[in-house]
């Protein structure tokens, strides 16, 4: 399995690294794409990605074309932004739940 990371940032906080397997989890991939995992999504585009550098060198025009063909998004940026927003909301919710639990202890 290829480990690809990106970053997300909650308001008022420093950017945090996030593994794309978490960002593009099975729920996201099933809802918005024709694939069950980000790795299968990349394989479906016939991209040869073995390292983070390979992924970062992938031309955005090729990724955009694959995204348009196989997802509900018009561009890679739109897909990434939506996944990041969903992930950040989950993180904020999880932080709030932890805060409430800490207060109850």
Protein backbone atom coordinates (compact mmCIF):
# COMPACT_ATOMS: atom_id res chain seq x y z
CA UNK A 1 0.00 0.00 0.00
CA UNK A 2 1.28 3.45 -0.92
CA UNK A 3 1.40 6.03 1.85
CA UNK A 4 0.58 9.48 0.50
CA UNK A 5 0.11 12.41 2.84
CA UNK A 6 -1.27 15.89 2.55
CA UNK A 7 -2.18 18.63 5.02
CA UNK A 8 -5.35 20.08 6.49
CA UNK A 9 -5.78 23.04 8.77
CA UNK A 10 -8.47 23.76 11.33
CA UNK A 11 -9.24 27.43 12.01
CA UNK A 12 -6.69 28.94 14.37
CA UNK A 13 -4.38 25.92 14.25
CA UNK A 14 -1.22 24.92 12.45
CA UNK A 15 -1.51 22.68 9.36
CA UNK A 16 -1.60 19.00 10.29
CA UNK A 17 -0.37 16.09 8.15
CA UNK A 18 -3.02 13.58 7.10
CA UNK A 19 -2.67 10.24 5.37
CA UNK A 20 -4.72 10.17 2.16
CA UNK A 21 -6.07 6.75 3.19
CA UNK A 22 -7.80 8.58 6.09
CA UNK A 23 -8.72 11.67 4.07
CA UNK A 24 -10.20 9.59 1.25
CA UNK A 25 -11.67 6.87 3.45
CA UNK A 26 -13.92 4.09 2.17
CA UNK A 27 -17.05 6.08 2.99
CA UNK A 28 -15.89 9.08 0.94
CA UNK A 29 -14.68 6.97 -1.96
CA UNK A 30 -17.89 4.93 -2.17
CA UNK A 31 -20.08 8.02 -1.98
CA UNK A 32 -18.26 10.21 -4.52
CA UNK A 33 -16.28 7.88 -6.80
CA UNK A 34 -16.39 4.54 -8.61
CA UNK A 35 -13.71 3.15 -6.26
CA UNK A 36 -13.50 1.81 -2.69
CA UNK A 37 -10.05 3.21 -1.90
CA UNK A 38 -7.74 6.00 -2.97
CA UNK A 39 -5.15 3.43 -4.00
CA UNK A 40 -7.65 1.76 -6.37
CA UNK A 41 -8.63 5.21 -7.65
CA UNK A 42 -4.99 5.88 -8.60
CA UNK A 43 -4.63 2.42 -10.16
CA UNK A 44 -7.81 3.04 -12.16
CA UNK A 45 -6.17 6.10 -13.68
CA UNK A 46 -3.20 3.97 -14.75
CA UNK A 47 -0.92 6.18 -12.67
CA UNK A 48 2.34 4.58 -11.55
CA UNK A 49 2.64 5.91 -8.01
CA UNK A 50 5.17 4.23 -5.75
CA UNK A 51 6.26 7.21 -3.66
CA UNK A 52 5.06 10.57 -2.39
CA UNK A 53 7.33 12.20 -5.00
CA UNK A 54 5.65 10.20 -7.80
CA UNK A 55 2.27 11.45 -6.64
CA UNK A 56 3.43 15.06 -6.37
CA UNK A 57 4.93 14.87 -9.89
CA UNK A 58 1.62 13.68 -11.40
CA UNK A 59 0.41 16.35 -13.85
CA UNK A 60 -2.75 17.96 -12.50
CA UNK A 61 -4.33 17.87 -15.97
CA UNK A 62 -4.12 14.06 -15.96
CA UNK A 63 -5.56 13.88 -12.45
CA UNK A 64 -8.35 16.30 -13.39
CA UNK A 65 -9.28 14.15 -16.39
CA UNK A 66 -9.42 11.00 -14.24
CA UNK A 67 -11.44 12.81 -11.56
CA UNK A 68 -13.95 14.05 -14.16
CA UNK A 69 -14.35 10.53 -15.61
CA UNK A 70 -14.70 8.61 -12.35
CA UNK A 71 -16.08 10.92 -9.67
CA UNK A 72 -18.76 13.52 -9.04
CA UNK A 73 -16.15 16.29 -9.08
CA UNK A 74 -15.04 18.54 -11.96
CA UNK A 75 -11.40 18.76 -10.79
CA UNK A 76 -8.84 17.17 -8.47
CA UNK A 77 -8.84 20.38 -6.40
CA UNK A 78 -12.62 20.15 -5.89
CA UNK A 79 -12.31 16.51 -4.80
CA UNK A 80 -9.42 17.30 -2.45
CA UNK A 81 -11.20 20.33 -0.98
CA UNK A 82 -14.39 18.34 -0.30
CA UNK A 83 -12.47 15.47 1.32
CA UNK A 84 -10.48 17.94 3.43
CA UNK A 85 -13.64 19.76 4.58
CA UNK A 86 -15.31 16.49 5.58
CA UNK A 87 -12.17 15.30 7.38
CA UNK A 88 -11.73 18.63 9.22
CA UNK A 89 -15.37 18.59 10.37
CA UNK A 90 -14.92 15.04 11.68
CA UNK A 91 -11.77 16.13 13.53
CA UNK A 92 -13.54 19.15 15.06
CA UNK A 93 -16.47 16.97 16.14
CA UNK A 94 -14.11 14.40 17.63
CA UNK A 95 -12.27 17.17 19.52
CA UNK A 96 -15.57 18.51 20.90
CA UNK A 97 -16.66 15.03 22.03
CA UNK A 98 -13.30 14.56 23.77
CA UNK A 99 -13.73 17.96 25.47
CA UNK A 100 -17.19 17.00 26.76
CA UNK A 101 -15.89 13.65 27.99
CA UNK A 102 -12.99 15.37 29.78
CA UNK A 103 -15.43 17.70 31.55
CA UNK A 104 -17.54 14.75 32.70
CA UNK A 105 -14.57 13.00 34.31
